[in-house]
PDB file of N, CA and C in Angstrom:
ATOM      1  N   MET A   1      52.364  37.002 104.055  1.00  0.00           N
ATOM      2  CA  MET A   1      52.042  37.115 102.649  1.00  0.00           C
ATOM      3  C   MET A   1      53.152  36.485 101.795  1.00  0.00           C
ATOM      4  N   LYS A   2      54.398  36.725 102.192  1.00  0.00           N
ATOM      5  CA  LYS A   2      55.526  36.171 101.457  1.00  0.00           C
ATOM      6  C   LYS A   2      55.493  34.640 101.512  1.00  0.00           C
ATOM      7  N   LYS A   3      55.075  34.105 102.654  1.00  0.00           N
ATOM      8  CA  LYS A   3      54.985  32.664 102.844  1.00  0.00           C
ATOM      9  C   LYS A   3      53.967  32.061 101.867  1.00  0.00           C
ATOM     10  N   TYR A   4      52.821  32.712 101.691  1.00  0.00           N
ATOM     11  CA  TYR A   4      51.791  32.228 100.779  1.00  0.00           C
ATOM     12  C   TYR A   4      52.247  32.307  99.324  1.00  0.00           C
ATOM     13  N   SER A   5      52.996  33.321  98.989  1.00  0.00           N
ATOM     14  CA  SER A   5      53.512  33.466  97.621  1.00  0.00           C
ATOM     15  C   SER A   5      54.478  32.331  97.291  1.00  0.00           C
ATOM     16  N   ILE A   6      55.327  31.981  98.229  1.00  0.00           N
ATOM     17  CA  ILE A   6      56.281  30.892  98.019  1.00  0.00           C
ATOM     18  C   ILE A   6      55.540  29.562  97.870  1.00  0.00           C
ATOM     19  N   ILE A   7      54.560  29.325  98.717  1.00  0.00           N
ATOM     20  CA  ILE A   7      53.769  28.090  98.637  1.00  0.00           C
ATOM     21  C   ILE A   7      53.040  28.018  97.298  1.00  0.00           C
ATOM     22  N   PHE A   8      52.485  29.140  96.867  1.00  0.00           N
ATOM     23  CA  PHE A   8      51.780  29.190  95.590  1.00  0.00           C
ATOM     24  C   PHE A   8      52.725  28.887  94.427  1.00  0.00           C
ATOM     25  N   LEU A   9      53.900  29.476  94.434  1.00  0.00           N
ATOM     26  CA  LEU A   9      54.863  29.253  93.354  1.00  0.00           C
ATOM     27  C   LEU A   9      55.354  27.806  93.320  1.00  0.00           C
ATOM     28  N   VAL A  10      55.611  27.238  94.476  1.00  0.00           N
ATOM     29  CA  VAL A  10      56.046  25.840  94.548  1.00  0.00           C
ATOM     30  C   VAL A  10      54.927  24.916  94.049  1.00  0.00           C
ATOM     31  N   SER A  11      53.703  25.190  94.439  1.00  0.00           N
ATOM     32  CA  SER A  11      52.564  24.385  93.985  1.00  0.00           C
ATOM     33  C   SER A  11      52.383  24.487  92.479  1.00  0.00           C
ATOM     34  N   LEU A  12      52.517  25.686  91.954  1.00  0.00           N
ATOM     35  CA  LEU A  12      52.391  25.909  90.518  1.00  0.00           C
ATOM     36  C   LEU A  12      53.489  25.178  89.752  1.00  0.00           C
ATOM     37  N   LEU A  13      54.695  25.241  90.253  1.00  0.00           N
ATOM     38  CA  LEU A  13      55.818  24.546  89.628  1.00  0.00           C
ATOM     39  C   LEU A  13      55.598  23.033  89.637  1.00  0.00           C
ATOM     40  N   ALA A  14      55.130  22.508  90.750  1.00  0.00           N
ATOM     41  CA  ALA A  14      54.874  21.069  90.861  1.00  0.00           C
ATOM     42  C   ALA A  14      53.773  20.635  89.901  1.00  0.00           C
ATOM     43  N   LEU A  15      52.767  21.459  89.737  1.00  0.00           N
ATOM     44  CA  LEU A  15      51.655  21.138  88.853  1.00  0.00           C
ATOM     45  C   LEU A  15      52.102  21.046  87.397  1.00  0.00           C
ATOM     46  N   PHE A  16      52.899  21.990  86.944  1.00  0.00           N
ATOM     47  CA  PHE A  16      53.315  22.024  85.546  1.00  0.00           C
ATOM     48  C   PHE A  16      54.505  21.118  85.240  1.00  0.00           C
ATOM     49  N   SER A  17      55.197  20.653  86.237  1.00  0.00           N
ATOM     50  CA  SER A  17      56.341  19.777  85.982  1.00  0.00           C
ATOM     51  C   SER A  17      55.938  18.308  85.906  1.00  0.00           C
ATOM     52  N   CYS A  18      54.700  17.989  86.253  1.00  0.00           N
ATOM     53  CA  CYS A  18      54.234  16.603  86.182  1.00  0.00           C
ATOM     54  C   CYS A  18      54.008  16.209  84.730  1.00  0.00           C
ATOM     55  N   LYS A  19      54.633  15.130  84.315  1.00  0.00           N
ATOM     56  CA  LYS A  19      54.446  14.625  82.953  1.00  0.00           C
ATOM     57  C   LYS A  19      53.424  13.503  83.007  1.00  0.00           C
ATOM     58  N   LYS A  20      52.395  13.624  82.211  1.00  0.00           N
ATOM     59  CA  LYS A  20      51.371  12.596  82.174  1.00  0.00           C
ATOM     60  C   LYS A  20      51.808  11.481  81.238  1.00  0.00           C
ATOM     61  N   GLU A  21      51.657  10.264  81.706  1.00  0.00           N
ATOM     62  CA  GLU A  21      52.029   9.088  80.926  1.00  0.00           C
ATOM     63  C   GLU A  21      50.888   8.702  79.996  1.00  0.00           C
ATOM     64  N   ALA A  22      51.197   7.874  79.021  1.00  0.00           N
ATOM     65  CA  ALA A  22      50.178   7.354  78.118  1.00  0.00           C
ATOM     66  C   ALA A  22      49.133   6.597  78.926  1.00  0.00           C
ATOM     67  N   GLY A  23      47.894   6.649  78.483  1.00  0.00           N
ATOM     68  CA  GLY A  23      46.821   5.948  79.170  1.00  0.00           C
ATOM     69  C   GLY A  23      45.511   6.684  79.052  1.00  0.00           C
ATOM     70  N   GLU A  24      44.576   6.319  79.899  1.00  0.00           N
ATOM     71  CA  GLU A  24      43.251   6.921  79.879  1.00  0.00           C
ATOM     72  C   GLU A  24      43.277   8.321  80.469  1.00  0.00           C
ATOM     73  N   GLY A  25      42.277   9.122  80.065  1.00  0.00           N
ATOM     74  CA  GLY A  25      42.132  10.448  80.640  1.00  0.00           C
ATOM     75  C   GLY A  25      42.324  11.573  79.648  1.00  0.00           C
ATOM     76  N   GLY A  26      42.435  11.265  78.371  1.00  0.00           N
ATOM     77  CA  GLY A  26      42.639  12.298  77.364  1.00  0.00           C
ATOM     78  C   GLY A  26      41.489  12.368  76.383  1.00  0.00           C
ATOM     79  N   ARG A  27      41.756  13.010  75.250  1.00  0.00           N
ATOM     80  CA  ARG A  27      40.732  13.179  74.221  1.00  0.00           C
ATOM     81  C   ARG A  27      41.145  12.566  72.881  1.00  0.00           C
ATOM     82  N   SER A  28      42.137  11.711  72.899  1.00  0.00           N
ATOM     83  CA  SER A  28      42.598  11.068  71.675  1.00  0.00           C
ATOM     84  C   SER A  28      42.004   9.666  71.568  1.00  0.00           C
ATOM     85  N   SER A  29      42.059   9.104  70.363  1.00  0.00           N
ATOM     86  CA  SER A  29      41.556   7.745  70.187  1.00  0.00           C
ATOM     87  C   SER A  29      42.313   7.025  69.072  1.00  0.00           C
ATOM     88  N   ILE A  30      42.231   5.697  69.122  1.00  0.00           N
ATOM     89  CA  ILE A  30      42.856   4.830  68.123  1.00  0.00           C
ATOM     90  C   ILE A  30      41.762   3.952  67.529  1.00  0.00           C
ATOM     91  N   THR A  31      41.700   3.909  66.194  1.00  0.00           N
ATOM     92  CA  THR A  31      40.721   3.076  65.510  1.00  0.00           C
ATOM     93  C   THR A  31      41.436   2.091  64.592  1.00  0.00           C
ATOM     94  N   GLY A  32      40.711   1.069  64.192  1.00  0.00           N
ATOM     95  CA  GLY A  32      41.253   0.093  63.261  1.00  0.00           C
ATOM     96  C   GLY A  32      40.250  -1.015  63.012  1.00  0.00           C
ATOM     97  N   LYS A  33      40.691  -2.046  62.290  1.00  0.00           N
ATOM     98  CA  LYS A  33      39.854  -3.207  61.995  1.00  0.00           C
ATOM     99  C   LYS A  33      40.695  -4.471  62.126  1.00  0.00           C
ATOM    100  N   VAL A  34      40.017  -5.592  62.369  1.00  0.00           N
ATOM    101  CA  VAL A  34      40.684  -6.893  62.416  1.00  0.00           C
ATOM    102  C   VAL A  34      40.148  -7.735  61.259  1.00  0.00           C
ATOM    103  N   PHE A  35      41.067  -8.258  60.452  1.00  0.00           N
ATOM    104  CA  PHE A  35      40.734  -9.053  59.267  1.00  0.00           C
ATOM    105  C   PHE A  35      41.190 -10.487  59.474  1.00  0.00           C
ATOM    106  N   MET A  36      40.270 -11.435  59.259  1.00  0.00           N
ATOM    107  CA  MET A  36      40.574 -12.858  59.406  1.00  0.00           C
ATOM    108  C   MET A  36      40.939 -13.437  58.045  1.00  0.00           C
ATOM    109  N   SER A  37      42.119 -14.009  57.967  1.00  0.00           N
ATOM    110  CA  SER A  37      42.617 -14.623  56.740  1.00  0.00           C
ATOM    111  C   SER A  37      42.684 -16.130  56.957  1.00  0.00           C
ATOM    112  N   ASP A  38      42.142 -16.907  56.026  1.00  0.00           N
ATOM    113  CA  ASP A  38      42.135 -18.366  56.152  1.00  0.00           C
ATOM    114  C   ASP A  38      43.385 -18.943  55.505  1.00  0.00           C
ATOM    115  N   LYS A  39      44.361 -19.287  56.330  1.00  0.00           N
ATOM    116  CA  LYS A  39      45.603 -19.867  55.812  1.00  0.00           C
ATOM    117  C   LYS A  39      45.660 -21.372  56.046  1.00  0.00           C
ATOM    118  N   SER A  40      44.571 -21.922  56.577  1.00  0.00           N
ATOM    119  CA  SER A  40      44.546 -23.356  56.861  1.00  0.00           C
ATOM    120  C   SER A  40      44.135 -24.173  55.647  1.00  0.00           C
ATOM    121  N   GLY A  41      43.570 -23.508  54.645  1.00  0.00           N
ATOM    122  CA  GLY A  41      43.113 -24.225  53.459  1.00  0.00           C
ATOM    123  C   GLY A  41      41.740 -24.838  53.622  1.00  0.00           C
ATOM    124  N   ASN A  42      41.008 -24.461  54.669  1.00  0.00           N
ATOM    125  CA  ASN A  42      39.673 -25.008  54.920  1.00  0.00           C
ATOM    126  C   ASN A  42      38.569 -24.259  54.184  1.00  0.00           C
ATOM    127  N   ASN A  43      38.938 -23.284  53.380  1.00  0.00           N
ATOM    128  CA  ASN A  43      37.974 -22.479  52.616  1.00  0.00           C
ATOM    129  C   ASN A  43      36.885 -21.864  53.494  1.00  0.00           C
ATOM    130  N   GLN A  44      37.299 -21.347  54.631  1.00  0.00           N
ATOM    131  CA  GLN A  44      36.351 -20.686  55.520  1.00  0.00           C
ATOM    132  C   GLN A  44      36.152 -19.223  55.139  1.00  0.00           C
ATOM    133  N   GLY A  45      36.890 -18.739  54.171  1.00  0.00           N
ATOM    134  CA  GLY A  45      36.727 -17.370  53.712  1.00  0.00           C
ATOM    135  C   GLY A  45      37.623 -16.401  54.449  1.00  0.00           C
ATOM    136  N   GLU A  46      37.659 -15.196  53.928  1.00  0.00           N
ATOM    137  CA  GLU A  46      38.421 -14.110  54.534  1.00  0.00           C
ATOM    138  C   GLU A  46      37.463 -12.948  54.733  1.00  0.00           C
ATOM    139  N   TYR A  47      37.507 -12.345  55.920  1.00  0.00           N
ATOM    140  CA  TYR A  47      36.510 -11.336  56.252  1.00  0.00           C
ATOM    141  C   TYR A  47      36.977 -10.505  57.443  1.00  0.00           C
ATOM    142  N   PHE A  48      36.358  -9.332  57.608  1.00  0.00           N
ATOM    143  CA  PHE A  48      36.565  -8.540  58.815  1.00  0.00           C
ATOM    144  C   PHE A  48      35.765  -9.226  59.910  1.00  0.00           C
ATOM    145  N   ILE A  49      36.450  -9.607  60.974  1.00  0.00           N
ATOM    146  CA  ILE A  49      35.864 -10.507  61.967  1.00  0.00           C
ATOM    147  C   ILE A  49      35.167  -9.753  63.108  1.00  0.00           C
ATOM    148  N   PRO A  50      33.889 -10.076  63.360  1.00  0.00           N
ATOM    149  CA  PRO A  50      33.172  -9.462  64.481  1.00  0.00           C
ATOM    150  C   PRO A  50      33.477 -10.182  65.798  1.00  0.00           C
ATOM    151  N   ASP A  51      33.285  -9.484  66.899  1.00  0.00           N
ATOM    152  CA  ASP A  51      33.370 -10.064  68.242  1.00  0.00           C
ATOM    153  C   ASP A  51      34.722 -10.745  68.503  1.00  0.00           C
ATOM    154  N   TYR A  52      35.800 -10.092  68.080  1.00  0.00           N
ATOM    155  CA  TYR A  52      37.152 -10.638  68.230  1.00  0.00           C
ATOM    156  C   TYR A  52      37.935  -9.761  69.205  1.00  0.00           C
ATOM    157  N   ASP A  53      38.758 -10.361  70.047  1.00  0.00           N
ATOM    158  CA  ASP A  53      39.492  -9.621  71.082  1.00  0.00           C
ATOM    159  C   ASP A  53      40.619  -8.770  70.507  1.00  0.00           C
ATOM    160  N   VAL A  54      40.675  -7.510  70.961  1.00  0.00           N
ATOM    161  CA  VAL A  54      41.752  -6.577  70.621  1.00  0.00           C
ATOM    162  C   VAL A  54      42.261  -5.997  71.937  1.00  0.00           C
ATOM    163  N   PHE A  55      43.579  -5.834  72.060  1.00  0.00           N
ATOM    164  CA  PHE A  55      44.203  -5.392  73.300  1.00  0.00           C
ATOM    165  C   PHE A  55      45.033  -4.137  73.047  1.00  0.00           C
ATOM    166  N   ILE A  56      45.223  -3.325  74.108  1.00  0.00           N
ATOM    167  CA  ILE A  56      46.067  -2.137  74.006  1.00  0.00           C
ATOM    168  C   ILE A  56      47.014  -2.092  75.199  1.00  0.00           C
ATOM    169  N   ILE A  57      48.256  -1.703  74.923  1.00  0.00           N
ATOM    170  CA  ILE A  57      49.278  -1.517  75.957  1.00  0.00           C
ATOM    171  C   ILE A  57      49.621  -0.039  75.986  1.00  0.00           C
ATOM    172  N   TYR A  58      49.540   0.577  77.174  1.00  0.00           N
ATOM    173  CA  TYR A  58      49.874   1.989  77.343  1.00  0.00           C
ATOM    174  C   TYR A  58      51.377   2.139  77.534  1.00  0.00           C
ATOM    175  N   GLY A  59      52.018   2.956  76.729  1.00  0.00           N
ATOM    176  CA  GLY A  59      53.442   3.227  76.882  1.00  0.00           C
ATOM    177  C   GLY A  59      54.312   2.201  76.175  1.00  0.00           C
ATOM    178  N   GLU A  60      55.614   2.476  76.169  1.00  0.00           N
ATOM    179  CA  GLU A  60      56.563   1.621  75.455  1.00  0.00           C
ATOM    180  C   GLU A  60      57.166   0.528  76.329  1.00  0.00           C
ATOM    181  N   ASP A  61      57.163   0.723  77.644  1.00  0.00           N
ATOM    182  CA  ASP A  61      57.877  -0.190  78.534  1.00  0.00           C
ATOM    183  C   ASP A  61      57.017  -1.309  79.101  1.00  0.00           C
ATOM    184  N   ASN A  62      55.716  -1.227  78.960  1.00  0.00           N
ATOM    185  CA  ASN A  62      54.829  -2.235  79.524  1.00  0.00           C
ATOM    186  C   ASN A  62      54.808  -3.486  78.665  1.00  0.00           C
ATOM    187  N   GLU A  63      54.602  -4.623  79.306  1.00  0.00           N
ATOM    188  CA  GLU A  63      54.541  -5.901  78.603  1.00  0.00           C
ATOM    189  C   GLU A  63      53.143  -6.515  78.643  1.00  0.00           C
ATOM    190  N   THR A  64      52.308  -6.094  79.582  1.00  0.00           N
ATOM    191  CA  THR A  64      50.964  -6.643  79.697  1.00  0.00           C
ATOM    192  C   THR A  64      49.943  -5.611  79.238  1.00  0.00           C
ATOM    193  N   TYR A  65      48.811  -6.099  78.773  1.00  0.00           N
ATOM    194  CA  TYR A  65      47.805  -5.179  78.243  1.00  0.00           C
ATOM    195  C   TYR A  65      47.111  -4.407  79.360  1.00  0.00           C
ATOM    196  N   ASP A  66      46.649  -3.209  79.013  1.00  0.00           N
ATOM    197  CA  ASP A  66      45.970  -2.346  79.973  1.00  0.00           C
ATOM    198  C   ASP A  66      44.459  -2.340  79.777  1.00  0.00           C
ATOM    199  N   GLU A  67      44.019  -2.626  78.564  1.00  0.00           N
ATOM    200  CA  GLU A  67      42.595  -2.602  78.257  1.00  0.00           C
ATOM    201  C   GLU A  67      42.357  -3.556  77.087  1.00  0.00           C
ATOM    202  N   ASP A  68      41.162  -4.123  77.043  1.00  0.00           N
ATOM    203  CA  ASP A  68      40.800  -4.960  75.903  1.00  0.00           C
ATOM    204  C   ASP A  68      39.365  -4.667  75.501  1.00  0.00           C
ATOM    205  N   MET A  69      39.019  -5.065  74.291  1.00  0.00           N
ATOM    206  CA  MET A  69      37.658  -4.885  73.804  1.00  0.00           C
ATOM    207  C   MET A  69      37.386  -5.901  72.705  1.00  0.00           C
ATOM    208  N   LYS A  70      36.123  -6.019  72.312  1.00  0.00           N
ATOM    209  CA  LYS A  70      35.709  -6.874  71.205  1.00  0.00           C
ATOM    210  C   LYS A  70      35.437  -5.992  69.990  1.00  0.00           C
ATOM    211  N   THR A  71      35.726  -6.529  68.802  1.00  0.00           N
ATOM    212  CA  THR A  71      35.431  -5.782  67.584  1.00  0.00           C
ATOM    213  C   THR A  71      33.917  -5.705  67.370  1.00  0.00           C
ATOM    214  N   ASN A  72      33.496  -4.691  66.617  1.00  0.00           N
ATOM    215  CA  ASN A  72      32.089  -4.518  66.258  1.00  0.00           C
ATOM    216  C   ASN A  72      31.698  -5.510  65.164  1.00  0.00           C
ATOM    217  N   TYR A  73      30.452  -5.445  64.724  1.00  0.00           N
ATOM    218  CA  TYR A  73      29.939  -6.362  63.699  1.00  0.00           C
ATOM    219  C   TYR A  73      30.750  -6.324  62.397  1.00  0.00           C
ATOM    220  N   ASP A  74      31.400  -5.181  62.122  1.00  0.00           N
ATOM    221  CA  ASP A  74      32.170  -5.025  60.880  1.00  0.00           C
ATOM    222  C   ASP A  74      33.678  -5.191  61.090  1.00  0.00           C
ATOM    223  N   GLY A  75      34.070  -5.699  62.247  1.00  0.00           N
ATOM    224  CA  GLY A  75      35.487  -5.917  62.543  1.00  0.00           C
ATOM    225  C   GLY A  75      36.225  -4.692  63.051  1.00  0.00           C
ATOM    226  N   SER A  76      35.520  -3.591  63.250  1.00  0.00           N
ATOM    227  CA  SER A  76      36.169  -2.344  63.678  1.00  0.00           C
ATOM    228  C   SER A  76      36.255  -2.251  65.202  1.00  0.00           C
ATOM    229  N   PHE A  77      37.179  -1.425  65.660  1.00  0.00           N
ATOM    230  CA  PHE A  77      37.334  -1.158  67.090  1.00  0.00           C
ATOM    231  C   PHE A  77      37.785   0.279  67.276  1.00  0.00           C
ATOM    232  N   GLU A  78      37.587   0.799  68.497  1.00  0.00           N
ATOM    233  CA  GLU A  78      38.059   2.143  68.835  1.00  0.00           C
ATOM    234  C   GLU A  78      38.366   2.213  70.326  1.00  0.00           C
ATOM    235  N   PHE A  79      39.599   2.550  70.638  1.00  0.00           N
ATOM    236  CA  PHE A  79      39.993   2.826  72.018  1.00  0.00           C
ATOM    237  C   PHE A  79      39.905   4.340  72.188  1.00  0.00           C
ATOM    238  N   LYS A  80      39.041   4.790  73.103  1.00  0.00           N
ATOM    239  CA  LYS A  80      38.764   6.220  73.271  1.00  0.00           C
ATOM    240  C   LYS A  80      39.401   6.762  74.548  1.00  0.00           C
ATOM    241  N   ASN A  81      39.363   8.091  74.652  1.00  0.00           N
ATOM    242  CA  ASN A  81      39.773   8.817  75.864  1.00  0.00           C
ATOM    243  C   ASN A  81      41.215   8.532  76.271  1.00  0.00           C
ATOM    244  N   LEU A  82      42.105   8.535  75.291  1.00  0.00           N
ATOM    245  CA  LEU A  82      43.524   8.287  75.551  1.00  0.00           C
ATOM    246  C   LEU A  82      44.297   9.599  75.608  1.00  0.00           C
ATOM    247  N   ARG A  83      45.336   9.627  76.430  1.00  0.00           N
ATOM    248  CA  ARG A  83      46.242  10.783  76.483  1.00  0.00           C
ATOM    249  C   ARG A  83      47.291  10.645  75.390  1.00  0.00           C
ATOM    250  N   GLU A  84      48.004  11.741  75.142  1.00  0.00           N
ATOM    251  CA  GLU A  84      49.077  11.654  74.158  1.00  0.00           C
ATOM    252  C   GLU A  84      50.153  10.700  74.671  1.00  0.00           C
ATOM    253  N   GLY A  85      50.761   9.981  73.745  1.00  0.00           N
ATOM    254  CA  GLY A  85      51.781   9.009  74.118  1.00  0.00           C
ATOM    255  C   GLY A  85      51.881   7.904  73.084  1.00  0.00           C
ATOM    256  N   THR A  86      52.643   6.884  73.422  1.00  0.00           N
ATOM    257  CA  THR A  86      52.864   5.752  72.528  1.00  0.00           C
ATOM    258  C   THR A  86      52.065   4.551  73.018  1.00  0.00           C
ATOM    259  N   TYR A  87      51.451   3.847  72.073  1.00  0.00           N
ATOM    260  CA  TYR A  87      50.598   2.705  72.390  1.00  0.00           C
ATOM    261  C   TYR A  87      50.927   1.542  71.470  1.00  0.00           C
ATOM    262  N   LYS A  88      50.654   0.322  71.974  1.00  0.00           N
ATOM    263  CA  LYS A  88      50.745  -0.881  71.152  1.00  0.00           C
ATOM    264  C   LYS A  88      49.371  -1.539  71.168  1.00  0.00           C
ATOM    265  N   VAL A  89      48.819  -1.756  69.984  1.00  0.00           N
ATOM    266  CA  VAL A  89      47.527  -2.419  69.838  1.00  0.00           C
ATOM    267  C   VAL A  89      47.799  -3.776  69.201  1.00  0.00           C
ATOM    268  N   TYR A  90      47.127  -4.811  69.695  1.00  0.00           N
ATOM    269  CA  TYR A  90      47.373  -6.136  69.119  1.00  0.00           C
ATOM    270  C   TYR A  90      46.176  -7.059  69.255  1.00  0.00           C
ATOM    271  N   SER A  91      46.219  -8.102  68.450  1.00  0.00           N
ATOM    272  CA  SER A  91      45.251  -9.180  68.506  1.00  0.00           C
ATOM    273  C   SER A  91      46.024 -10.473  68.250  1.00  0.00           C
ATOM    274  N   TYR A  92      45.398 -11.602  68.512  1.00  0.00           N
ATOM    275  CA  TYR A  92      46.098 -12.879  68.371  1.00  0.00           C
ATOM    276  C   TYR A  92      45.736 -13.594  67.075  1.00  0.00           C
ATOM    277  N   SER A  93      46.756 -14.182  66.464  1.00  0.00           N
ATOM    278  CA  SER A  93      46.617 -14.974  65.252  1.00  0.00           C
ATOM    279  C   SER A  93      46.992 -16.416  65.581  1.00  0.00           C
ATOM    280  N   GLU A  94      46.292 -17.363  64.980  1.00  0.00           N
ATOM    281  CA  GLU A  94      46.614 -18.776  65.198  1.00  0.00           C
ATOM    282  C   GLU A  94      47.836 -19.162  64.369  1.00  0.00           C
ATOM    283  N   VAL A  95      48.795 -19.829  65.020  1.00  0.00           N
ATOM    284  CA  VAL A  95      50.004 -20.301  64.338  1.00  0.00           C
ATOM    285  C   VAL A  95      50.357 -21.689  64.860  1.00  0.00           C
ATOM    286  N   SER A  96      50.991 -22.471  64.019  1.00  0.00           N
ATOM    287  CA  SER A  96      51.386 -23.818  64.445  1.00  0.00           C
ATOM    288  C   SER A  96      52.790 -23.840  65.034  1.00  0.00           C
ATOM    289  N   THR A  97      53.539 -22.746  64.867  1.00  0.00           N
ATOM    290  CA  THR A  97      54.931 -22.717  65.326  1.00  0.00           C
ATOM    291  C   THR A  97      55.081 -22.357  66.799  1.00  0.00           C
ATOM    292  N   ASN A  98      54.026 -21.907  67.431  1.00  0.00           N
ATOM    293  CA  ASN A  98      54.072 -21.513  68.835  1.00  0.00           C
ATOM    294  C   ASN A  98      53.360 -22.587  69.661  1.00  0.00           C
ATOM    295  N   PRO A  99      53.938 -23.027  70.784  1.00  0.00           N
ATOM    296  CA  PRO A  99      53.303 -24.066  71.602  1.00  0.00           C
ATOM    297  C   PRO A  99      51.881 -23.708  72.060  1.00  0.00           C
ATOM    298  N   SER A 100      51.615 -22.421  72.277  1.00  0.00           N
ATOM    299  CA  SER A 100      50.276 -22.020  72.710  1.00  0.00           C
ATOM    300  C   SER A 100      49.293 -22.011  71.543  1.00  0.00           C
ATOM    301  N   GLY A 101      49.820 -22.029  70.309  1.00  0.00           N
ATOM    302  CA  GLY A 101      48.963 -21.977  69.135  1.00  0.00           C
ATOM    303  C   GLY A 101      48.559 -20.571  68.738  1.00  0.00           C
ATOM    304  N   LEU A 102      49.010 -19.578  69.506  1.00  0.00           N
ATOM    305  CA  LEU A 102      48.659 -18.181  69.240  1.00  0.00           C
ATOM    306  C   LEU A 102      49.903 -17.308  69.195  1.00  0.00           C
ATOM    307  N   GLU A 103      49.834 -16.260  68.392  1.00  0.00           N
ATOM    308  CA  GLU A 103      50.931 -15.301  68.300  1.00  0.00           C
ATOM    309  C   GLU A 103      50.334 -13.900  68.156  1.00  0.00           C
ATOM    310  N   PRO A 104      50.813 -12.932  68.949  1.00  0.00           N
ATOM    311  CA  PRO A 104      50.260 -11.582  68.841  1.00  0.00           C
ATOM    312  C   PRO A 104      50.717 -10.882  67.560  1.00  0.00           C
ATOM    313  N   VAL A 105      49.808 -10.094  66.989  1.00  0.00           N
ATOM    314  CA  VAL A 105      50.111  -9.258  65.829  1.00  0.00           C
ATOM    315  C   VAL A 105      50.005  -7.813  66.313  1.00  0.00           C
ATOM    316  N   PHE A 106      51.156  -7.115  66.388  1.00  0.00           N
ATOM    317  CA  PHE A 106      51.235  -5.777  66.976  1.00  0.00           C
ATOM    318  C   PHE A 106      51.177  -4.669  65.934  1.00  0.00           C
ATOM    319  N   LYS A 107      50.589  -3.545  66.347  1.00  0.00           N
ATOM    320  CA  LYS A 107      50.658  -2.275  65.614  1.00  0.00           C
ATOM    321  C   LYS A 107      50.995  -1.214  66.655  1.00  0.00           C
ATOM    322  N   SER A 108      52.016  -0.405  66.392  1.00  0.00           N
ATOM    323  CA  SER A 108      52.405   0.673  67.308  1.00  0.00           C
ATOM    324  C   SER A 108      51.932   2.003  66.752  1.00  0.00           C
ATOM    325  N   VAL A 109      51.589   2.904  67.657  1.00  0.00           N
ATOM    326  CA  VAL A 109      51.107   4.224  67.241  1.00  0.00           C
ATOM    327  C   VAL A 109      51.463   5.246  68.311  1.00  0.00           C
ATOM    328  N   THR A 110      51.786   6.460  67.867  1.00  0.00           N
ATOM    329  CA  THR A 110      52.034   7.573  68.774  1.00  0.00           C
ATOM    330  C   THR A 110      50.937   8.606  68.562  1.00  0.00           C
ATOM    331  N   LEU A 111      50.279   8.980  69.651  1.00  0.00           N
ATOM    332  CA  LEU A 111      49.174   9.938  69.601  1.00  0.00           C
ATOM    333  C   LEU A 111      49.597  11.297  70.129  1.00  0.00           C
ATOM    334  N   GLY A 112      49.055  12.341  69.537  1.00  0.00           N
ATOM    335  CA  GLY A 112      49.176  13.687  70.069  1.00  0.00           C
ATOM    336  C   GLY A 112      47.903  14.027  70.827  1.00  0.00           C
ATOM    337  N   LYS A 113      47.808  15.251  71.313  1.00  0.00           N
ATOM    338  CA  LYS A 113      46.606  15.689  72.027  1.00  0.00           C
ATOM    339  C   LYS A 113      45.432  15.807  71.059  1.00  0.00           C
ATOM    340  N   LYS A 114      44.273  15.366  71.505  1.00  0.00           N
ATOM    341  CA  LYS A 114      43.024  15.463  70.740  1.00  0.00           C
ATOM    342  C   LYS A 114      43.167  14.922  69.319  1.00  0.00           C
ATOM    343  N   GLU A 115      43.828  13.792  69.183  1.00  0.00           N
ATOM    344  CA  GLU A 115      44.100  13.218  67.869  1.00  0.00           C
ATOM    345  C   GLU A 115      43.452  11.840  67.748  1.00  0.00           C
ATOM    346  N   THR A 116      42.894  11.555  66.580  1.00  0.00           N
ATOM    347  CA  THR A 116      42.378  10.225  66.278  1.00  0.00           C
ATOM    348  C   THR A 116      43.246   9.634  65.181  1.00  0.00           C
ATOM    349  N   LYS A 117      43.789   8.445  65.441  1.00  0.00           N
ATOM    350  CA  LYS A 117      44.628   7.777  64.441  1.00  0.00           C
ATOM    351  C   LYS A 117      44.024   6.430  64.091  1.00  0.00           C
ATOM    352  N   ASP A 118      43.964   6.172  62.794  1.00  0.00           N
ATOM    353  CA  ASP A 118      43.522   4.878  62.288  1.00  0.00           C
ATOM    354  C   ASP A 118      44.772   4.049  62.005  1.00  0.00           C
ATOM    355  N   ILE A 119      44.910   2.926  62.700  1.00  0.00           N
ATOM    356  CA  ILE A 119      46.103   2.089  62.509  1.00  0.00           C
ATOM    357  C   ILE A 119      45.922   1.092  61.365  1.00  0.00           C
ATOM    358  N   GLY A 120      44.795   1.172  60.691  1.00  0.00           N
ATOM    359  CA  GLY A 120      44.562   0.281  59.561  1.00  0.00           C
ATOM    360  C   GLY A 120      44.061  -1.079  60.009  1.00  0.00           C
ATOM    361  N   THR A 121      44.515  -2.103  59.319  1.00  0.00           N
ATOM    362  CA  THR A 121      44.015  -3.457  59.539  1.00  0.00           C
ATOM    363  C   THR A 121      45.048  -4.327  60.244  1.00  0.00           C
ATOM    364  N   ILE A 122      44.587  -5.023  61.275  1.00  0.00           N
ATOM    365  CA  ILE A 122      45.384  -6.062  61.925  1.00  0.00           C
ATOM    366  C   ILE A 122      44.936  -7.374  61.289  1.00  0.00           C
ATOM    367  N   GLU A 123      45.840  -8.045  60.598  1.00  0.00           N
ATOM    368  CA  GLU A 123      45.474  -9.287  59.915  1.00  0.00           C
ATOM    369  C   GLU A 123      45.855 -10.484  60.772  1.00  0.00           C
ATOM    370  N   VAL A 124      44.850 -11.279  61.097  1.00  0.00           N
ATOM    371  CA  VAL A 124      45.060 -12.504  61.866  1.00  0.00           C
ATOM    372  C   VAL A 124      44.655 -13.682  60.985  1.00  0.00           C
ATOM    373  N   SER A 125      45.092 -14.871  61.350  1.00  0.00           N
ATOM    374  CA  SER A 125      44.774 -16.035  60.519  1.00  0.00           C
ATOM    375  C   SER A 125      44.313 -17.210  61.357  1.00  0.00           C
ATOM    376  N   LYS A 126      43.636 -18.124  60.670  1.00  0.00           N
ATOM    377  CA  LYS A 126      43.182 -19.377  61.275  1.00  0.00           C
ATOM    378  C   LYS A 126      43.935 -20.508  60.643  1.00  0.00           C
TER     379      LYS A 126
END
C-alpha cells in the first residue's frame, strides 16, 4: 500500500509540474484584420484585403511559423484553440528595400487562459 501511495504522489507531482508551452490545445484565440495600403501610387485603393496570408509563431524563441491561414472576405482572421502564452502574428508587405521584395509586419500578443485578444490591424502595402 505504501508503494502505491508513493507512486501516486510522484505521478501527481509530475502531472502538475509540467508547464504547457504556447500553441494549440487551449481555449484562447487571437483576432485581427489585414489592411492593404497602396503606396505605389497606382491608385489601386486601400481596403481590408480578402484571401491574404497571415502567419502565427508559437512562443518567443521560435523563428518559423507554426500555422497559417487566409483572411476572410472582410480581411479578418482568427487563430483559435490556443493555450496561454506569447505569440507573434504577421503578414507580408511589399517593399523595394528587401531583395525578396517582401517584409514581415509583426504584432506580438500575450494570451491568458480562455481569452480572446484582438490585435487590431496589420497594415501591409503594395
